[in-house]
Amino acid sequence: RRRPPRATRGPYTTLFRSEGAGPERPEITVKIDVAPVSAPGEVAVPVALFMVEALANIFKHAFPRPNGSGGVTVMLRRMDGRRVRLAIQDNGVGFAKDGAKSGIGDRLLKVFGRQIHGTVEVTSEPGKGTVVELIFPVGESDPREINHDQLSAGRVAV
């Protein structure tokens, strides 16, 4: 029996299973590359909702069943002292932007971005995957920023 991808055995298990990854979809690998970033709740909650919506769209559309396989990378990085970039990228089927219908998922991503004064960009190309990006402001770097152990233990943050 194959073991599920590493990311689905760690602190993100519930999230990825709820969005369509996990033991039932071992053909989809998830890589997490998250730098420590602290943010107040009024920023962290919309960012988390943005991530969940982007992942839901990816698992629903990027890797069609029954044989859809590929990879997803979730990356969170501080761009400078005041801005953070969250990028969720897949190497799935992609889509042509012209003529693509804008659904509720796209609208939700934009609403979550606006709530935190961020910018949202979705880039995609048929056969080459999709990148969903959110750039948003946060305070200056804080030496007490949240680390992966705190996130794993369920204590705060982005």
Protein backbone atom coordinates (compact mmCIF):
# COMPACT_ATOMS: atom_id res chain seq x y z
CA ARG A 1 0.00 0.00 0.00
CA ARG A 2 1.33 3.42 -0.97
CA ARG A 3 1.84 6.03 1.72
CA PRO A 4 0.09 9.39 1.26
CA PRO A 5 2.21 12.42 0.30
CA ARG A 6 4.21 13.85 3.20
CA ALA A 7 2.21 17.10 3.34
CA THR A 8 -0.98 15.14 3.98
CA ARG A 9 0.51 13.52 7.09
CA GLY A 10 1.50 16.75 8.85
CA PRO A 11 -0.26 19.79 10.29
CA TYR A 12 -2.13 20.40 7.05
CA THR A 13 -3.84 16.98 6.95
CA THR A 14 -7.36 18.24 7.63
CA LEU A 15 -7.08 21.08 5.13
CA PHE A 16 -5.79 18.96 2.26
CA ARG A 17 -8.16 16.08 2.89
CA SER A 18 -11.11 18.48 2.99
CA GLU A 19 -10.02 19.95 -0.34
CA GLY A 20 -9.57 16.66 -2.19
CA ALA A 21 -6.01 15.55 -1.44
CA GLY A 22 -4.83 12.88 0.89
CA PRO A 23 -4.75 9.11 0.92
CA GLU A 24 -7.61 8.89 -1.56
CA ARG A 25 -5.60 10.98 -4.10
CA PRO A 26 -1.98 9.84 -3.62
CA GLU A 27 -1.23 10.84 -7.20
CA ILE A 28 -1.33 14.52 -6.16
CA THR A 29 1.71 15.70 -4.23
CA VAL A 30 1.65 18.85 -2.12
CA LYS A 31 4.77 20.82 -1.24
CA ILE A 32 4.61 23.40 1.55
CA ASP A 33 7.19 26.19 1.57
CA VAL A 34 6.00 28.62 4.24
CA ALA A 35 8.22 31.24 5.84
CA PRO A 36 7.40 32.53 9.32
CA VAL A 37 5.06 35.52 9.03
CA SER A 38 2.92 37.02 11.75
CA ALA A 39 -0.30 38.85 11.08
CA PRO A 40 -3.30 39.97 13.12
CA GLY A 41 -6.47 37.87 12.97
CA GLU A 42 -8.22 40.31 10.66
CA VAL A 43 -5.52 39.52 8.09
CA ALA A 44 -4.81 35.88 8.92
CA VAL A 45 -8.45 34.74 8.54
CA PRO A 46 -8.99 36.13 4.99
CA VAL A 47 -5.57 34.75 3.98
CA ALA A 48 -6.52 31.29 5.28
CA LEU A 49 -9.87 31.47 3.49
CA PHE A 50 -8.10 32.56 0.30
CA MET A 51 -5.78 29.56 0.55
CA VAL A 52 -8.63 27.11 1.16
CA GLU A 53 -10.60 28.48 -1.82
CA ALA A 54 -7.58 28.38 -4.13
CA LEU A 55 -6.82 24.79 -3.09
CA ALA A 56 -10.44 23.77 -3.52
CA ASN A 57 -10.36 25.14 -7.08
CA ILE A 58 -7.09 23.35 -7.82
CA PHE A 59 -8.21 19.97 -6.53
CA LYS A 60 -11.53 20.33 -8.33
CA HIS A 61 -10.28 21.54 -11.72
CA ALA A 62 -6.51 21.05 -12.20
CA PHE A 63 -6.34 17.28 -11.87
CA PRO A 64 -9.46 15.71 -13.40
CA ARG A 65 -10.36 12.28 -12.10
CA PRO A 66 -9.94 9.35 -12.49
CA ASN A 67 -6.26 9.60 -13.47
CA GLY A 68 -5.43 13.23 -12.75
CA SER A 69 -2.03 13.48 -11.16
CA GLY A 70 0.44 16.25 -10.50
CA GLY A 71 1.78 18.59 -7.90
CA VAL A 72 0.76 21.63 -5.91
CA THR A 73 3.13 24.06 -4.20
CA VAL A 74 1.98 26.45 -1.48
CA MET A 75 4.53 29.20 -0.87
CA LEU A 76 4.39 32.09 1.59
CA ARG A 77 7.25 34.61 1.55
CA ARG A 78 7.87 38.09 2.84
CA MET A 79 8.63 40.29 -0.18
CA ASP A 80 9.95 43.19 1.85
CA GLY A 81 9.31 44.68 5.27
CA ARG A 82 5.66 45.38 4.59
CA ARG A 83 4.35 42.93 1.97
CA VAL A 84 3.86 39.19 1.83
CA ARG A 85 3.28 36.94 -1.19
CA LEU A 86 1.16 33.81 -1.00
CA ALA A 87 1.41 31.75 -4.18
CA ILE A 88 -0.40 28.50 -4.81
CA GLN A 89 0.82 26.81 -7.96
CA ASP A 90 -0.17 23.60 -9.71
CA ASN A 91 1.11 21.77 -12.75
CA GLY A 92 -2.37 20.64 -13.76
CA VAL A 93 -4.36 21.09 -16.94
CA GLY A 94 -4.46 24.91 -16.80
CA PHE A 95 -6.96 26.99 -18.75
CA ALA A 96 -7.13 29.81 -21.27
CA LYS A 97 -7.94 33.09 -19.54
CA ASP A 98 -9.89 34.46 -22.52
CA GLY A 99 -13.29 32.92 -22.59
CA ALA A 100 -12.92 31.35 -19.14
CA LYS A 101 -16.01 31.80 -17.00
CA SER A 102 -15.57 33.65 -13.75
CA GLY A 103 -17.28 31.64 -11.06
CA ILE A 104 -17.99 32.10 -7.39
CA GLY A 105 -14.51 30.84 -6.52
CA ASP A 106 -12.86 33.63 -8.50
CA ARG A 107 -15.11 36.20 -6.88
CA LEU A 108 -14.34 34.84 -3.40
CA LEU A 109 -10.58 35.07 -4.04
CA LYS A 110 -10.97 38.73 -5.02
CA VAL A 111 -13.16 39.51 -2.00
CA PHE A 112 -10.66 37.92 0.42
CA GLY A 113 -7.86 39.90 -1.23
CA ARG A 114 -9.78 43.19 -0.99
CA GLN A 115 -10.57 42.59 2.68
CA ILE A 116 -6.86 42.82 3.48
CA HIS A 117 -5.96 45.49 0.89
CA GLY A 118 -4.18 42.88 -1.19
CA THR A 119 -3.90 42.19 -4.88
CA VAL A 120 -4.99 38.92 -6.46
CA GLU A 121 -3.67 37.54 -9.71
CA VAL A 122 -4.47 34.26 -11.41
CA THR A 123 -2.25 33.20 -14.29
CA SER A 124 -2.81 30.04 -16.28
CA GLU A 125 -2.06 28.42 -19.59
CA PRO A 126 -3.58 25.26 -21.03
CA GLY A 127 -1.33 22.29 -20.32
CA LYS A 128 1.01 24.31 -18.08
CA GLY A 129 -0.91 24.76 -14.85
CA THR A 130 -2.08 27.71 -12.83
CA VAL A 131 -0.66 30.14 -10.27
CA VAL A 132 -2.99 31.85 -7.81
CA GLU A 133 -1.24 34.73 -6.07
CA LEU A 134 -2.13 37.07 -3.23
CA ILE A 135 0.15 39.96 -2.28
CA PHE A 136 -0.88 41.71 0.90
CA PRO A 137 0.48 44.20 3.43
CA VAL A 138 1.52 43.24 6.95
CA GLY A 139 3.54 44.97 9.65
CA GLU A 140 7.32 45.08 9.80
CA SER A 141 9.22 41.86 10.48
CA ASP A 142 8.85 40.75 14.08
CA PRO A 143 11.52 38.63 15.79
CA ARG A 144 8.69 36.70 17.48
CA GLU A 145 7.23 35.56 14.16
CA ILE A 146 5.39 32.30 14.07
CA ASN A 147 7.41 29.24 13.20
CA HIS A 148 6.33 25.90 11.73
CA ASP A 149 6.17 24.23 15.20
CA GLN A 150 3.70 26.83 16.44
CA LEU A 151 1.60 26.40 13.30
CA SER A 152 1.67 22.61 13.72
CA ALA A 153 0.53 22.96 17.31
CA GLY A 154 -2.47 25.00 16.15
CA ARG A 155 -1.24 28.29 17.59
CA VAL A 156 -2.06 31.20 15.33
CA ALA A 157 -1.18 32.75 12.16
CA VAL A 158 -0.76 32.75 8.52
